[in-house]
Amino acid sequence: LVESGGGLVQPGGSLGLSCAASGTMEKFVL
């Protein structure tokens, strides 16, 4: 699992995070 999108933001700001999974054919239940 690889996360991306973190960083420094000011209060009231917005940020989007992503998590991509690889290496399995299984679908995660949660």
PDB file of all heavy atoms in Angstrom:
ATOM      1  N   LEU A   1       0.856  -1.173   0.000  1.00  0.00           N
ATOM      2  CA  LEU A   1       0.000   0.000   0.000  1.00  0.00           C
ATOM      3  C   LEU A   1       0.893   1.225   0.000  1.00  0.00           C
ATOM      4  O   LEU A   1       1.825   1.315   0.796  1.00  0.00           O
ATOM      5  CB  LEU A   1      -0.898   0.033   1.237  1.00  0.00           C
ATOM      6  CG  LEU A   1      -1.794  -1.182   1.500  1.00  0.00           C
ATOM      7  CD1 LEU A   1      -2.573  -0.979   2.797  1.00  0.00           C
ATOM      8  CD2 LEU A   1      -2.750  -1.399   0.341  1.00  0.00           C
ATOM      9  N   VAL A   2       0.606   2.151  -0.875  1.00  0.00           N
ATOM     10  CA  VAL A   2       1.415   3.353  -0.994  1.00  0.00           C
ATOM     11  C   VAL A   2       0.515   4.571  -0.887  1.00  0.00           C
ATOM     12  O   VAL A   2      -0.388   4.748  -1.710  1.00  0.00           O
ATOM     13  CB  VAL A   2       2.203   3.386  -2.312  1.00  0.00           C
ATOM     14  CG1 VAL A   2       3.019   4.671  -2.404  1.00  0.00           C
ATOM     15  CG2 VAL A   2       3.114   2.173  -2.411  1.00  0.00           C
ATOM     16  N   GLU A   3       0.785   5.405   0.112  1.00  0.00           N
ATOM     17  CA  GLU A   3       0.030   6.636   0.303  1.00  0.00           C
ATOM     18  C   GLU A   3       0.735   7.796  -0.378  1.00  0.00           C
ATOM     19  O   GLU A   3       1.956   7.813  -0.502  1.00  0.00           O
ATOM     20  CB  GLU A   3      -0.134   6.970   1.791  1.00  0.00           C
ATOM     21  CG  GLU A   3      -0.797   5.883   2.616  1.00  0.00           C
ATOM     22  CD  GLU A   3       0.196   5.049   3.384  1.00  0.00           C
ATOM     23  OE1 GLU A   3       1.349   4.895   2.926  1.00  0.00           O
ATOM     24  OE2 GLU A   3      -0.184   4.543   4.467  1.00  0.00           O
ATOM     25  N   SER A   4      -0.046   8.776  -0.758  1.00  0.00           N
ATOM     26  CA  SER A   4       0.509   9.993  -1.315  1.00  0.00           C
ATOM     27  C   SER A   4      -0.440  11.144  -1.024  1.00  0.00           C
ATOM     28  O   SER A   4      -1.615  10.930  -0.713  1.00  0.00           O
ATOM     29  CB  SER A   4       0.748   9.870  -2.823  1.00  0.00           C
ATOM     30  OG  SER A   4      -0.467   9.635  -3.514  1.00  0.00           O
ATOM     31  N   GLY A   5       0.065  12.352  -1.117  1.00  0.00           N
ATOM     32  CA  GLY A   5      -0.763  13.532  -0.978  1.00  0.00           C
ATOM     33  C   GLY A   5      -0.553  14.344   0.277  1.00  0.00           C
ATOM     34  O   GLY A   5      -1.137  15.427   0.408  1.00  0.00           O
ATOM     35  N   GLY A   6       0.252  13.858   1.202  1.00  0.00           N
ATOM     36  CA  GLY A   6       0.499  14.611   2.413  1.00  0.00           C
ATOM     37  C   GLY A   6       1.296  15.870   2.143  1.00  0.00           C
ATOM     38  O   GLY A   6       1.889  16.035   1.076  1.00  0.00           O
ATOM     39  N   GLY A   7       1.298  16.755   3.127  1.00  0.00           N
ATOM     40  CA  GLY A   7       2.033  17.990   2.981  1.00  0.00           C
ATOM     41  C   GLY A   7       1.667  18.987   4.044  1.00  0.00           C
ATOM     42  O   GLY A   7       1.038  18.653   5.047  1.00  0.00           O
ATOM     43  N   LEU A   8       2.067  20.221   3.824  1.00  0.00           N
ATOM     44  CA  LEU A   8       1.825  21.321   4.746  1.00  0.00           C
ATOM     45  C   LEU A   8       0.720  22.210   4.199  1.00  0.00           C
ATOM     46  O   LEU A   8       0.796  22.665   3.053  1.00  0.00           O
ATOM     47  CB  LEU A   8       3.103  22.135   4.938  1.00  0.00           C
ATOM     48  CG  LEU A   8       2.996  23.414   5.762  1.00  0.00           C
ATOM     49  CD1 LEU A   8       2.627  23.097   7.201  1.00  0.00           C
ATOM     50  CD2 LEU A   8       4.302  24.187   5.691  1.00  0.00           C
ATOM     51  N   VAL A   9      -0.294  22.447   5.026  1.00  0.00           N
ATOM     52  CA  VAL A   9      -1.392  23.329   4.641  1.00  0.00           C
ATOM     53  C   VAL A   9      -1.731  24.247   5.807  1.00  0.00           C
ATOM     54  O   VAL A   9      -1.456  23.932   6.960  1.00  0.00           O
ATOM     55  CB  VAL A   9      -2.651  22.555   4.207  1.00  0.00           C
ATOM     56  CG1 VAL A   9      -2.381  21.739   2.955  1.00  0.00           C
ATOM     57  CG2 VAL A   9      -3.138  21.662   5.335  1.00  0.00           C
ATOM     58  N   GLN A  10      -2.354  25.369   5.496  1.00  0.00           N
ATOM     59  CA  GLN A  10      -2.786  26.295   6.528  1.00  0.00           C
ATOM     60  C   GLN A  10      -4.136  25.876   7.094  1.00  0.00           C
ATOM     61  O   GLN A  10      -4.912  25.191   6.425  1.00  0.00           O
ATOM     62  CB  GLN A  10      -2.880  27.710   5.964  1.00  0.00           C
ATOM     63  CG  GLN A  10      -1.548  28.302   5.580  1.00  0.00           C
ATOM     64  CD  GLN A  10      -1.657  29.749   5.174  1.00  0.00           C
ATOM     65  OE1 GLN A  10      -2.683  30.188   4.670  1.00  0.00           O
ATOM     66  NE2 GLN A  10      -0.594  30.500   5.396  1.00  0.00           N
ATOM     67  N   PRO A  11      -4.424  26.270   8.330  1.00  0.00           N
ATOM     68  CA  PRO A  11      -5.753  25.985   8.876  1.00  0.00           C
ATOM     69  C   PRO A  11      -6.848  26.493   7.947  1.00  0.00           C
ATOM     70  O   PRO A  11      -6.756  27.589   7.390  1.00  0.00           O
ATOM     71  CB  PRO A  11      -5.751  26.739  10.203  1.00  0.00           C
ATOM     72  CG  PRO A  11      -4.308  26.792  10.589  1.00  0.00           C
ATOM     73  CD  PRO A  11      -3.558  26.954   9.290  1.00  0.00           C
ATOM     74  N   GLY A  12      -7.878  25.674   7.793  1.00  0.00           N
ATOM     75  CA  GLY A  12      -8.958  25.998   6.885  1.00  0.00           C
ATOM     76  C   GLY A  12      -8.740  25.505   5.474  1.00  0.00           C
ATOM     77  O   GLY A  12      -9.676  25.538   4.655  1.00  0.00           O
ATOM     78  N   GLY A  13      -7.560  25.040   5.185  1.00  0.00           N
ATOM     79  CA  GLY A  13      -7.242  24.559   3.858  1.00  0.00           C
ATOM     80  C   GLY A  13      -7.708  23.142   3.619  1.00  0.00           C
ATOM     81  O   GLY A  13      -8.311  22.499   4.482  1.00  0.00           O
ATOM     82  N   SER A  14      -7.396  22.645   2.437  1.00  0.00           N
ATOM     83  CA  SER A  14      -7.808  21.312   2.023  1.00  0.00           C
ATOM     84  C   SER A  14      -6.624  20.516   1.512  1.00  0.00           C
ATOM     85  O   SER A  14      -5.634  21.073   1.033  1.00  0.00           O
ATOM     86  CB  SER A  14      -8.867  21.392   0.917  1.00  0.00           C
ATOM     87  OG  SER A  14     -10.044  22.028   1.369  1.00  0.00           O
ATOM     88  N   LEU A  15      -6.762  19.215   1.597  1.00  0.00           N
ATOM     89  CA  LEU A  15      -5.729  18.312   1.126  1.00  0.00           C
ATOM     90  C   LEU A  15      -6.381  16.984   0.777  1.00  0.00           C
ATOM     91  O   LEU A  15      -7.317  16.555   1.460  1.00  0.00           O
ATOM     92  CB  LEU A  15      -4.677  18.110   2.209  1.00  0.00           C
ATOM     93  CG  LEU A  15      -3.276  17.636   1.808  1.00  0.00           C
ATOM     94  CD1 LEU A  15      -2.609  18.644   0.884  1.00  0.00           C
ATOM     95  CD2 LEU A  15      -2.431  17.411   3.052  1.00  0.00           C
ATOM     96  N   GLY A  16      -5.898  16.347  -0.267  1.00  0.00           N
ATOM     97  CA  GLY A  16      -6.404  15.047  -0.657  1.00  0.00           C
ATOM     98  C   GLY A  16      -5.328  13.984  -0.569  1.00  0.00           C
ATOM     99  O   GLY A  16      -4.207  14.185  -1.040  1.00  0.00           O
ATOM    100  N   LEU A  17      -5.661  12.862   0.035  1.00  0.00           N
ATOM    101  CA  LEU A  17      -4.743  11.743   0.171  1.00  0.00           C
ATOM    102  C   LEU A  17      -5.198  10.589  -0.709  1.00  0.00           C
ATOM    103  O   LEU A  17      -6.397  10.375  -0.901  1.00  0.00           O
ATOM    104  CB  LEU A  17      -4.669  11.257   1.615  1.00  0.00           C
ATOM    105  CG  LEU A  17      -4.308  12.274   2.690  1.00  0.00           C
ATOM    106  CD1 LEU A  17      -4.247  11.585   4.048  1.00  0.00           C
ATOM    107  CD2 LEU A  17      -2.993  12.959   2.372  1.00  0.00           C
ATOM    108  N   SER A  18      -4.238   9.841  -1.210  1.00  0.00           N
ATOM    109  CA  SER A  18      -4.521   8.666  -2.019  1.00  0.00           C
ATOM    110  C   SER A  18      -3.769   7.471  -1.464  1.00  0.00           C
ATOM    111  O   SER A  18      -2.670   7.607  -0.924  1.00  0.00           O
ATOM    112  CB  SER A  18      -4.101   8.886  -3.474  1.00  0.00           C
ATOM    113  OG  SER A  18      -4.811   9.945  -4.066  1.00  0.00           O
ATOM    114  N   CYS A  19      -4.362   6.305  -1.611  1.00  0.00           N
ATOM    115  CA  CYS A  19      -3.726   5.059  -1.227  1.00  0.00           C
ATOM    116  C   CYS A  19      -3.967   4.053  -2.333  1.00  0.00           C
ATOM    117  O   CYS A  19      -5.122   3.736  -2.645  1.00  0.00           O
ATOM    118  CB  CYS A  19      -4.280   4.536   0.093  1.00  0.00           C
ATOM    119  SG  CYS A  19      -3.713   2.875   0.528  1.00  0.00           S
ATOM    120  N   ALA A  20      -2.904   3.555  -2.907  1.00  0.00           N
ATOM    121  CA  ALA A  20      -2.989   2.574  -3.976  1.00  0.00           C
ATOM    122  C   ALA A  20      -2.418   1.245  -3.513  1.00  0.00           C
ATOM    123  O   ALA A  20      -1.307   1.197  -2.976  1.00  0.00           O
ATOM    124  CB  ALA A  20      -2.238   3.068  -5.214  1.00  0.00           C
ATOM    125  N   ALA A  21      -3.167   0.184  -3.725  1.00  0.00           N
ATOM    126  CA  ALA A  21      -2.742  -1.157  -3.355  1.00  0.00           C
ATOM    127  C   ALA A  21      -2.294  -1.923  -4.591  1.00  0.00           C
ATOM    128  O   ALA A  21      -2.874  -1.790  -5.672  1.00  0.00           O
ATOM    129  CB  ALA A  21      -3.868  -1.912  -2.665  1.00  0.00           C
ATOM    130  N   SER A  22      -1.271  -2.724  -4.419  1.00  0.00           N
ATOM    131  CA  SER A  22      -0.777  -3.548  -5.510  1.00  0.00           C
ATOM    132  C   SER A  22      -0.290  -4.878  -4.956  1.00  0.00           C
ATOM    133  O   SER A  22      -0.091  -5.034  -3.757  1.00  0.00           O
ATOM    134  CB  SER A  22       0.354  -2.848  -6.265  1.00  0.00           C
ATOM    135  OG  SER A  22       1.479  -2.648  -5.419  1.00  0.00           O
ATOM    136  N   GLY A  23      -0.105  -5.846  -5.848  1.00  0.00           N
ATOM    137  CA  GLY A  23       0.481  -7.115  -5.463  1.00  0.00           C
ATOM    138  C   GLY A  23      -0.499  -8.195  -5.049  1.00  0.00           C
ATOM    139  O   GLY A  23      -0.082  -9.234  -4.536  1.00  0.00           O
ATOM    140  N   THR A  24      -1.782  -7.969  -5.277  1.00  0.00           N
ATOM    141  CA  THR A  24      -2.770  -8.976  -4.927  1.00  0.00           C
ATOM    142  C   THR A  24      -3.933  -8.942  -5.904  1.00  0.00           C
ATOM    143  O   THR A  24      -4.284  -7.888  -6.427  1.00  0.00           O
ATOM    144  CB  THR A  24      -3.289  -8.790  -3.493  1.00  0.00           C
ATOM    145  OG1 THR A  24      -4.232  -9.826  -3.202  1.00  0.00           O
ATOM    146  CG2 THR A  24      -3.976  -7.441  -3.339  1.00  0.00           C
ATOM    147  N   MET A  25      -4.504 -10.106  -6.135  1.00  0.00           N
ATOM    148  CA  MET A  25      -5.712 -10.200  -6.933  1.00  0.00           C
ATOM    149  C   MET A  25      -6.961 -10.133  -6.061  1.00  0.00           C
ATOM    150  O   MET A  25      -8.070 -10.009  -6.569  1.00  0.00           O
ATOM    151  CB  MET A  25      -5.730 -11.516  -7.727  1.00  0.00           C
ATOM    152  CG  MET A  25      -4.662 -11.619  -8.808  1.00  0.00           C
ATOM    153  SD  MET A  25      -4.949 -10.485 -10.197  1.00  0.00           S
ATOM    154  CE  MET A  25      -3.862  -9.126  -9.755  1.00  0.00           C
ATOM    155  N   GLU A  26      -6.762 -10.236  -4.757  1.00  0.00           N
ATOM    156  CA  GLU A  26      -7.881 -10.176  -3.831  1.00  0.00           C
ATOM    157  C   GLU A  26      -8.453  -8.776  -3.764  1.00  0.00           C
ATOM    158  O   GLU A  26      -7.722  -7.781  -3.842  1.00  0.00           O
ATOM    159  CB  GLU A  26      -7.451 -10.589  -2.426  1.00  0.00           C
ATOM    160  CG  GLU A  26      -7.075 -12.031  -2.269  1.00  0.00           C
ATOM    161  CD  GLU A  26      -6.749 -12.354  -0.823  1.00  0.00           C
ATOM    162  OE1 GLU A  26      -5.654 -11.979  -0.364  1.00  0.00           O
ATOM    163  OE2 GLU A  26      -7.607 -12.962  -0.158  1.00  0.00           O
ATOM    164  N   LYS A  27      -9.739  -8.709  -3.597  1.00  0.00           N
ATOM    165  CA  LYS A  27     -10.396  -7.452  -3.296  1.00  0.00           C
ATOM    166  C   LYS A  27     -10.478  -7.310  -1.783  1.00  0.00           C
ATOM    167  O   LYS A  27     -10.858  -8.232  -1.083  1.00  0.00           O
ATOM    168  CB  LYS A  27     -11.793  -7.404  -3.903  1.00  0.00           C
ATOM    169  CG  LYS A  27     -11.810  -7.386  -5.429  1.00  0.00           C
ATOM    170  CD  LYS A  27     -11.133  -6.153  -5.984  1.00  0.00           C
ATOM    171  CE  LYS A  27     -11.304  -6.049  -7.495  1.00  0.00           C
ATOM    172  NZ  LYS A  27     -10.609  -7.138  -8.216  1.00  0.00           N
ATOM    173  N   PHE A  28     -10.089  -6.154  -1.307  1.00  0.00           N
ATOM    174  CA  PHE A  28     -10.147  -5.907   0.127  1.00  0.00           C
ATOM    175  C   PHE A  28     -11.582  -5.673   0.565  1.00  0.00           C
ATOM    176  O   PHE A  28     -12.345  -4.988  -0.118  1.00  0.00           O
ATOM    177  CB  PHE A  28      -9.280  -4.712   0.495  1.00  0.00           C
ATOM    178  CG  PHE A  28      -7.834  -4.897   0.156  1.00  0.00           C
ATOM    179  CD1 PHE A  28      -7.245  -4.152  -0.854  1.00  0.00           C
ATOM    180  CD2 PHE A  28      -7.067  -5.817   0.845  1.00  0.00           C
ATOM    181  CE1 PHE A  28      -5.910  -4.322  -1.167  1.00  0.00           C
ATOM    182  CE2 PHE A  28      -5.724  -6.000   0.533  1.00  0.00           C
ATOM    183  CZ  PHE A  28      -5.147  -5.248  -0.477  1.00  0.00           C
ATOM    184  N   VAL A  29     -11.937  -6.256   1.702  1.00  0.00           N
ATOM    185  CA  VAL A  29     -13.291  -6.093   2.205  1.00  0.00           C
ATOM    186  C   VAL A  29     -13.466  -4.769   2.933  1.00  0.00           C
ATOM    187  O   VAL A  29     -14.582  -4.274   3.068  1.00  0.00           O
ATOM    188  CB  VAL A  29     -13.696  -7.263   3.119  1.00  0.00           C
ATOM    189  CG1 VAL A  29     -13.663  -8.573   2.332  1.00  0.00           C
ATOM    190  CG2 VAL A  29     -12.783  -7.355   4.333  1.00  0.00           C
ATOM    191  N   LEU A  30     -12.374  -4.214   3.402  1.00  0.00           N
ATOM    192  CA  LEU A  30     -12.429  -2.962   4.141  1.00  0.00           C
ATOM    193  C   LEU A  30     -11.117  -2.225   3.962  1.00  0.00           C
ATOM    194  O   LEU A  30     -10.048  -2.820   4.067  1.00  0.00           O
ATOM    195  CB  LEU A  30     -12.683  -3.229   5.625  1.00  0.00           C
ATOM    196  CG  LEU A  30     -12.894  -2.029   6.531  1.00  0.00           C
ATOM    197  CD1 LEU A  30     -14.223  -1.358   6.220  1.00  0.00           C
ATOM    198  CD2 LEU A  30     -12.849  -2.460   7.985  1.00  0.00           C
TER     199      LEU A  30
END
